[in-house]
Amino acid sequence: MLPVGAVLFDVNSVFRKVSILVVQTVLKTPGELVGSVCLDNGRPRVTEYSELGAELAEKRTNEGRLLFRAGSIANHVFSMEFLESFCDTSFHLPYHRASKKIAHLTPDGTLIKPTSPNGIKLEQFVFDVFDRSKNFFIWEVEREDEFSPLKNAESTGRECLSTCRRDLERLNRKWLEAAGARIEGDPVFIDASVSYCGEGLERFKDQVVSGPVLK
């Protein structure tokens, strides 16, 4: 849910480094299908959930917290110096193997939708450059303010269009309430021309606002 370009942190203190990489994470929930930001032989990396395995994914520390709890949400900040350090033809990202259920047609035109993986997809990920970083920062953010994934069809009822709309409406409502507005009705969405990431809503203090879209 983080708007593009609205990375909120002290730019001067972070970009004082010559070559940096900042990675946003959220605290993972048990069984959540996101990659884990971790250290591999002292170097930063993201381990995909499909490669971590159930045993490690559920492993906990002595304090009861998930050991691999820094969930990668694919929000990254790269300095130009870092990106330029490997922009040449000799650099290649590794491939990751992913087993997929691939629908296909039989010779007579029948559509087959397999219930188990029947194919292999080779994938490349931007996070495989992380281990080249000398100045690596993890920035943990609040899930309800930053992350609402869209992964599934509406019929699943989770991580789908309706849950994304719900979470965005909750965030917009939170911004208005913080500005002192009184909200009537449901839902209430804020047009991006009014506020991009919660700024500039002071004029709604002590005012009654209603949706569905505040323009």
C-alpha atoms as a PDB file:
ATOM      1  CA  MET A   1       0.000   0.000   0.000  1.00  0.00           C
ATOM      2  CA  LEU A   2       3.024   2.270   0.148  1.00  0.00           C
ATOM      3  CA  PRO A   3       2.670   4.859  -2.651  1.00  0.00           C
ATOM      4  CA  VAL A   4       5.449   4.815  -5.231  1.00  0.00           C
ATOM      5  CA  GLY A   5       8.146   7.285  -4.254  1.00  0.00           C
ATOM      6  CA  ALA A   6       6.782   7.866  -0.752  1.00  0.00           C
ATOM      7  CA  VAL A   7       9.676   6.326   1.147  1.00  0.00           C
ATOM      8  CA  LEU A   8       9.563   8.022   4.540  1.00  0.00           C
ATOM      9  CA  PHE A   9      12.899   8.067   6.290  1.00  0.00           C
ATOM     10  CA  ASP A  10      15.827  10.396   6.922  1.00  0.00           C
ATOM     11  CA  VAL A  11      17.392  10.463   3.464  1.00  0.00           C
ATOM     12  CA  ASN A  12      20.438  12.436   4.539  1.00  0.00           C
ATOM     13  CA  SER A  13      21.412  10.047   7.323  1.00  0.00           C
ATOM     14  CA  VAL A  14      21.039   6.959   5.129  1.00  0.00           C
ATOM     15  CA  PHE A  15      22.417   8.184   1.819  1.00  0.00           C
ATOM     16  CA  ARG A  16      25.548   9.538   3.453  1.00  0.00           C
ATOM     17  CA  LYS A  17      26.886   6.102   2.572  1.00  0.00           C
ATOM     18  CA  VAL A  18      28.366   5.851  -0.912  1.00  0.00           C
ATOM     19  CA  SER A  19      26.603   2.636  -1.886  1.00  0.00           C
ATOM     20  CA  ILE A  20      23.535   1.525   0.046  1.00  0.00           C
ATOM     21  CA  LEU A  21      20.554  -0.792  -0.065  1.00  0.00           C
ATOM     22  CA  VAL A  22      17.449  -0.437   2.101  1.00  0.00           C
ATOM     23  CA  VAL A  23      14.925  -3.293   2.271  1.00  0.00           C
ATOM     24  CA  GLN A  24      11.479  -2.957   3.833  1.00  0.00           C
ATOM     25  CA  THR A  25      10.118  -5.884   5.828  1.00  0.00           C
ATOM     26  CA  VAL A  26       7.086  -6.794   7.924  1.00  0.00           C
ATOM     27  CA  LEU A  27       6.896  -9.274  10.785  1.00  0.00           C
ATOM     28  CA  LYS A  28       5.858 -12.567   9.215  1.00  0.00           C
ATOM     29  CA  THR A  29       2.932 -14.578  10.452  1.00  0.00           C
ATOM     30  CA  PRO A  30       3.210 -18.388  10.717  1.00  0.00           C
ATOM     31  CA  GLY A  31       2.696 -19.990   7.321  1.00  0.00           C
ATOM     32  CA  GLU A  32       2.798 -16.697   5.418  1.00  0.00           C
ATOM     33  CA  LEU A  33       3.987 -17.154   1.835  1.00  0.00           C
ATOM     34  CA  VAL A  34       6.586 -14.396   1.578  1.00  0.00           C
ATOM     35  CA  GLY A  35      10.363 -14.558   1.365  1.00  0.00           C
ATOM     36  CA  SER A  36      12.530 -14.119   4.452  1.00  0.00           C
ATOM     37  CA  VAL A  37      15.323 -11.557   4.698  1.00  0.00           C
ATOM     38  CA  CYS A  38      18.215 -13.251   6.477  1.00  0.00           C
ATOM     39  CA  LEU A  39      21.982 -13.698   6.593  1.00  0.00           C
ATOM     40  CA  ASP A  40      23.688 -16.505   4.690  1.00  0.00           C
ATOM     41  CA  ASN A  41      27.308 -16.920   5.791  1.00  0.00           C
ATOM     42  CA  GLY A  42      27.250 -13.332   6.948  1.00  0.00           C
ATOM     43  CA  ARG A  43      25.846 -11.925   3.705  1.00  0.00           C
ATOM     44  CA  PRO A  44      22.283 -10.554   3.302  1.00  0.00           C
ATOM     45  CA  ARG A  45      19.836 -12.428   1.128  1.00  0.00           C
ATOM     46  CA  VAL A  46      16.178 -13.311   0.698  1.00  0.00           C
ATOM     47  CA  THR A  47      15.185 -16.952   0.949  1.00  0.00           C
ATOM     48  CA  GLU A  48      11.991 -17.700  -0.940  1.00  0.00           C
ATOM     49  CA  TYR A  49       9.248 -19.419   1.075  1.00  0.00           C
ATOM     50  CA  SER A  50       9.306 -22.315  -1.387  1.00  0.00           C
ATOM     51  CA  GLU A  51      13.018 -22.840  -0.702  1.00  0.00           C
ATOM     52  CA  LEU A  52      12.974 -22.379   3.079  1.00  0.00           C
ATOM     53  CA  GLY A  53      10.961 -25.489   3.891  1.00  0.00           C
ATOM     54  CA  ALA A  54       8.224 -25.947   6.482  1.00  0.00           C
ATOM     55  CA  GLU A  55      10.553 -26.900   9.348  1.00  0.00           C
ATOM     56  CA  LEU A  56      12.709 -23.771   9.124  1.00  0.00           C
ATOM     57  CA  ALA A  57       9.723 -21.569   8.307  1.00  0.00           C
ATOM     58  CA  GLU A  58       8.065 -22.548  11.605  1.00  0.00           C
ATOM     59  CA  LYS A  59      11.231 -22.646  13.727  1.00  0.00           C
ATOM     60  CA  ARG A  60      11.184 -20.315  16.733  1.00  0.00           C
ATOM     61  CA  THR A  61      13.730 -18.632  18.971  1.00  0.00           C
ATOM     62  CA  ASN A  62      13.991 -19.212  22.720  1.00  0.00           C
ATOM     63  CA  GLU A  63      11.733 -16.166  23.141  1.00  0.00           C
ATOM     64  CA  GLY A  64       9.028 -17.817  21.035  1.00  0.00           C
ATOM     65  CA  ARG A  65       9.394 -15.568  17.989  1.00  0.00           C
ATOM     66  CA  LEU A  66       9.753 -16.917  14.463  1.00  0.00           C
ATOM     67  CA  LEU A  67      13.435 -17.325  13.631  1.00  0.00           C
ATOM     68  CA  PHE A  68      12.847 -16.255  10.018  1.00  0.00           C
ATOM     69  CA  ARG A  69      10.443 -13.405  10.746  1.00  0.00           C
ATOM     70  CA  ALA A  70      11.621 -10.563   8.483  1.00  0.00           C
ATOM     71  CA  GLY A  71       9.124 -10.889   5.643  1.00  0.00           C
ATOM     72  CA  SER A  72      10.225  -9.383   2.334  1.00  0.00           C
ATOM     73  CA  ILE A  73       7.509  -7.187   0.766  1.00  0.00           C
ATOM     74  CA  ALA A  74       9.482  -6.220  -2.381  1.00  0.00           C
ATOM     75  CA  ASN A  75       9.951  -2.562  -1.424  1.00  0.00           C
ATOM     76  CA  HIS A  76      13.619  -1.723  -1.966  1.00  0.00           C
ATOM     77  CA  VAL A  77      15.670   1.469  -2.111  1.00  0.00           C
ATOM     78  CA  PHE A  78      18.878   1.246  -4.139  1.00  0.00           C
ATOM     79  CA  SER A  79      21.476   3.971  -4.473  1.00  0.00           C
ATOM     80  CA  MET A  80      22.626   4.609  -8.040  1.00  0.00           C
ATOM     81  CA  GLU A  81      26.182   3.785  -6.984  1.00  0.00           C
ATOM     82  CA  PHE A  82      25.053   0.332  -5.894  1.00  0.00           C
ATOM     83  CA  LEU A  83      23.123  -0.380  -9.094  1.00  0.00           C
ATOM     84  CA  GLU A  84      25.969   0.826 -11.292  1.00  0.00           C
ATOM     85  CA  SER A  85      28.397  -1.470  -9.491  1.00  0.00           C
ATOM     86  CA  PHE A  86      27.135  -4.513 -11.382  1.00  0.00           C
ATOM     87  CA  CYS A  87      25.633  -3.069 -14.574  1.00  0.00           C
ATOM     88  CA  ASP A  88      27.798  -4.944 -17.040  1.00  0.00           C
ATOM     89  CA  THR A  89      27.397  -7.961 -19.286  1.00  0.00           C
ATOM     90  CA  SER A  90      29.457 -10.199 -16.999  1.00  0.00           C
ATOM     91  CA  PHE A  91      26.848 -10.088 -14.219  1.00  0.00           C
ATOM     92  CA  HIS A  92      24.008 -12.612 -14.280  1.00  0.00           C
ATOM     93  CA  LEU A  93      21.278 -13.282 -11.745  1.00  0.00           C
ATOM     94  CA  PRO A  94      20.911 -16.927 -10.683  1.00  0.00           C
ATOM     95  CA  TYR A  95      17.819 -18.953 -11.517  1.00  0.00           C
ATOM     96  CA  HIS A  96      15.363 -20.316  -8.971  1.00  0.00           C
ATOM     97  CA  ARG A  97      13.328 -23.434  -9.707  1.00  0.00           C
ATOM     98  CA  ALA A  98       9.599 -23.161  -9.033  1.00  0.00           C
ATOM     99  CA  SER A  99       7.139 -26.042  -9.454  1.00  0.00           C
ATOM    100  CA  LYS A 100       3.897 -24.814 -11.025  1.00  0.00           C
ATOM    101  CA  LYS A 101       0.445 -26.117 -11.897  1.00  0.00           C
ATOM    102  CA  ILE A 102       0.168 -25.312 -15.599  1.00  0.00           C
ATOM    103  CA  ALA A 103      -3.162 -25.549 -17.391  1.00  0.00           C
ATOM    104  CA  HIS A 104      -2.950 -27.046 -20.893  1.00  0.00           C
ATOM    105  CA  LEU A 105      -4.974 -28.405 -23.788  1.00  0.00           C
ATOM    106  CA  THR A 106      -5.132 -32.022 -24.911  1.00  0.00           C
ATOM    107  CA  PRO A 107      -4.947 -32.830 -28.655  1.00  0.00           C
ATOM    108  CA  ASP A 108      -8.767 -32.870 -28.805  1.00  0.00           C
ATOM    109  CA  GLY A 109      -8.999 -29.396 -27.250  1.00  0.00           C
ATOM    110  CA  THR A 110      -9.941 -30.383 -23.692  1.00  0.00           C
ATOM    111  CA  LEU A 111      -8.687 -27.928 -21.073  1.00  0.00           C
ATOM    112  CA  ILE A 112      -6.819 -29.643 -18.252  1.00  0.00           C
ATOM    113  CA  LYS A 113      -6.310 -27.834 -14.943  1.00  0.00           C
ATOM    114  CA  PRO A 114      -3.911 -29.961 -12.885  1.00  0.00           C
ATOM    115  CA  THR A 115      -4.324 -30.219  -9.116  1.00  0.00           C
ATOM    116  CA  SER A 116      -0.608 -30.836  -8.532  1.00  0.00           C
ATOM    117  CA  PRO A 117       2.512 -29.281 -10.098  1.00  0.00           C
ATOM    118  CA  ASN A 118       3.231 -30.532 -13.589  1.00  0.00           C
ATOM    119  CA  GLY A 119       5.812 -28.034 -14.771  1.00  0.00           C
ATOM    120  CA  ILE A 120       8.938 -26.139 -13.816  1.00  0.00           C
ATOM    121  CA  LYS A 121       9.384 -22.382 -14.080  1.00  0.00           C
ATOM    122  CA  LEU A 122      12.826 -20.779 -13.869  1.00  0.00           C
ATOM    123  CA  GLU A 123      12.655 -17.445 -12.056  1.00  0.00           C
ATOM    124  CA  GLN A 124      15.087 -14.598 -11.429  1.00  0.00           C
ATOM    125  CA  PHE A 125      14.711 -12.140  -8.557  1.00  0.00           C
ATOM    126  CA  VAL A 126      16.094  -8.679  -7.942  1.00  0.00           C
ATOM    127  CA  PHE A 127      16.880  -9.617  -4.344  1.00  0.00           C
ATOM    128  CA  ASP A 128      19.743 -11.820  -5.499  1.00  0.00           C
ATOM    129  CA  VAL A 129      21.879  -8.682  -5.730  1.00  0.00           C
ATOM    130  CA  PHE A 130      21.576  -8.130  -1.967  1.00  0.00           C
ATOM    131  CA  ASP A 131      24.740 -10.057  -1.117  1.00  0.00           C
ATOM    132  CA  ARG A 132      26.774  -7.528  -3.112  1.00  0.00           C
ATOM    133  CA  SER A 133      25.792  -4.704  -0.775  1.00  0.00           C
ATOM    134  CA  LYS A 134      28.348  -3.368   1.708  1.00  0.00           C
ATOM    135  CA  ASN A 135      25.815  -1.108   3.438  1.00  0.00           C
ATOM    136  CA  PHE A 136      22.625  -3.114   3.923  1.00  0.00           C
ATOM    137  CA  PHE A 137      19.705  -1.850   6.006  1.00  0.00           C
ATOM    138  CA  ILE A 138      16.492  -3.616   7.042  1.00  0.00           C
ATOM    139  CA  TRP A 139      13.600  -1.243   7.662  1.00  0.00           C
ATOM    140  CA  GLU A 140      10.706  -2.936   9.472  1.00  0.00           C
ATOM    141  CA  VAL A 141       7.378  -1.248   8.747  1.00  0.00           C
ATOM    142  CA  GLU A 142       3.844  -1.604  10.095  1.00  0.00           C
ATOM    143  CA  ARG A 143       1.895  -4.123   8.040  1.00  0.00           C
ATOM    144  CA  GLU A 144      -1.389  -2.201   8.221  1.00  0.00           C
ATOM    145  CA  ASP A 145       0.292   0.911   6.797  1.00  0.00           C
ATOM    146  CA  GLU A 146       2.427  -0.633   4.080  1.00  0.00           C
ATOM    147  CA  PHE A 147       1.495  -4.146   2.975  1.00  0.00           C
ATOM    148  CA  SER A 148      -1.632  -5.773   1.582  1.00  0.00           C
ATOM    149  CA  PRO A 149      -0.677  -8.359  -1.058  1.00  0.00           C
ATOM    150  CA  LEU A 150      -2.796  -9.205  -4.089  1.00  0.00           C
ATOM    151  CA  LYS A 151      -2.065 -12.837  -4.911  1.00  0.00           C
ATOM    152  CA  ASN A 152      -5.296 -14.788  -5.228  1.00  0.00           C
ATOM    153  CA  ALA A 153      -8.625 -14.930  -6.992  1.00  0.00           C
ATOM    154  CA  GLU A 154     -11.588 -13.350  -5.205  1.00  0.00           C
ATOM    155  CA  SER A 155     -13.051 -16.787  -4.438  1.00  0.00           C
ATOM    156  CA  THR A 156     -10.280 -17.508  -1.911  1.00  0.00           C
ATOM    157  CA  GLY A 157     -11.274 -14.594   0.324  1.00  0.00           C
ATOM    158  CA  ARG A 158      -7.669 -13.824   1.274  1.00  0.00           C
ATOM    159  CA  GLU A 159      -4.924 -11.718  -0.280  1.00  0.00           C
ATOM    160  CA  CYS A 160      -7.380 -10.825  -3.048  1.00  0.00           C
ATOM    161  CA  LEU A 161      -8.953  -7.666  -4.467  1.00  0.00           C
ATOM    162  CA  SER A 162     -11.556  -7.291  -1.722  1.00  0.00           C
ATOM    163  CA  THR A 163      -8.992  -7.620   1.094  1.00  0.00           C
ATOM    164  CA  CYS A 164      -6.761  -5.039  -0.606  1.00  0.00           C
ATOM    165  CA  ARG A 165      -9.713  -2.644  -0.867  1.00  0.00           C
ATOM    166  CA  ARG A 166     -10.569  -3.263   2.784  1.00  0.00           C
ATOM    167  CA  ASP A 167      -7.021  -2.558   3.948  1.00  0.00           C
ATOM    168  CA  LEU A 168      -6.695   0.569   1.797  1.00  0.00           C
ATOM    169  CA  GLU A 169     -10.000   1.905   3.158  1.00  0.00           C
ATOM    170  CA  ARG A 170      -8.826   1.268   6.718  1.00  0.00           C
ATOM    171  CA  LEU A 171      -5.605   3.159   6.009  1.00  0.00           C
ATOM    172  CA  ASN A 172      -7.442   6.117   4.457  1.00  0.00           C
ATOM    173  CA  ARG A 173      -9.823   6.183   7.426  1.00  0.00           C
ATOM    174  CA  LYS A 174      -6.841   6.162   9.798  1.00  0.00           C
ATOM    175  CA  TRP A 175      -5.341   9.192   8.006  1.00  0.00           C
ATOM    176  CA  LEU A 176      -8.595  11.132   8.246  1.00  0.00           C
ATOM    177  CA  GLU A 177      -9.129  10.309  11.911  1.00  0.00           C
ATOM    178  CA  ALA A 178      -5.545  11.372  12.675  1.00  0.00           C
ATOM    179  CA  ALA A 179      -6.325  14.705  11.004  1.00  0.00           C
ATOM    180  CA  GLY A 180      -9.362  15.151  13.259  1.00  0.00           C
ATOM    181  CA  ALA A 181     -12.099  14.458  10.702  1.00  0.00           C
ATOM    182  CA  ARG A 182     -15.459  12.922  11.650  1.00  0.00           C
ATOM    183  CA  ILE A 183     -16.336  10.131   9.242  1.00  0.00           C
ATOM    184  CA  GLU A 184     -19.850   9.121   8.238  1.00  0.00           C
ATOM    185  CA  GLY A 185     -20.603   6.036   6.221  1.00  0.00           C
ATOM    186  CA  ASP A 186     -18.503   3.240   4.836  1.00  0.00           C
ATOM    187  CA  PRO A 187     -16.302   2.970   2.830  1.00  0.00           C
ATOM    188  CA  VAL A 188     -14.270   6.169   2.600  1.00  0.00           C
ATOM    189  CA  PHE A 189     -11.404   6.344   0.133  1.00  0.00           C
ATOM    190  CA  ILE A 190      -9.181   9.390  -0.392  1.00  0.00           C
ATOM    191  CA  ASP A 191      -8.494  10.458  -3.966  1.00  0.00           C
ATOM    192  CA  ALA A 192      -4.728  10.581  -4.580  1.00  0.00           C
ATOM    193  CA  SER A 193      -5.076  14.189  -5.768  1.00  0.00           C
ATOM    194  CA  VAL A 194      -6.288  15.093  -2.258  1.00  0.00           C
ATOM    195  CA  SER A 195      -3.608  13.211  -0.323  1.00  0.00           C
ATOM    196  CA  TYR A 196      -0.956  10.826  -1.589  1.00  0.00           C
ATOM    197  CA  CYS A 197       0.249   9.312   1.670  1.00  0.00           C
ATOM    198  CA  GLY A 198      -1.727  11.002   4.437  1.00  0.00           C
ATOM    199  CA  GLU A 199      -0.353  14.518   4.094  1.00  0.00           C
ATOM    200  CA  GLY A 200      -2.373  17.727   3.693  1.00  0.00           C
ATOM    201  CA  LEU A 201      -5.546  16.592   5.457  1.00  0.00           C
ATOM    202  CA  GLU A 202      -5.539  19.314   8.131  1.00  0.00           C
ATOM    203  CA  ARG A 203      -8.388  21.151   6.391  1.00  0.00           C
ATOM    204  CA  PHE A 204     -10.741  18.300   7.330  1.00  0.00           C
ATOM    205  CA  LYS A 205     -10.246  18.797  11.066  1.00  0.00           C
ATOM    206  CA  ASP A 206     -13.614  18.850  12.883  1.00  0.00           C
ATOM    207  CA  GLN A 207     -15.409  18.384   9.544  1.00  0.00           C
ATOM    208  CA  VAL A 208     -17.849  15.606   8.688  1.00  0.00           C
ATOM    209  CA  VAL A 209     -16.657  13.652   5.649  1.00  0.00           C
ATOM    210  CA  SER A 210     -18.257  10.792   3.748  1.00  0.00           C
ATOM    211  CA  GLY A 211     -17.413   8.498   0.857  1.00  0.00           C
ATOM    212  CA  PRO A 212     -17.180   6.521  -1.131  1.00  0.00           C
ATOM    213  CA  VAL A 213     -14.362   8.712  -2.566  1.00  0.00           C
ATOM    214  CA  LEU A 214     -13.180  11.942  -0.968  1.00  0.00           C
ATOM    215  CA  LYS A 215     -12.171  14.342  -3.740  1.00  0.00           C
END
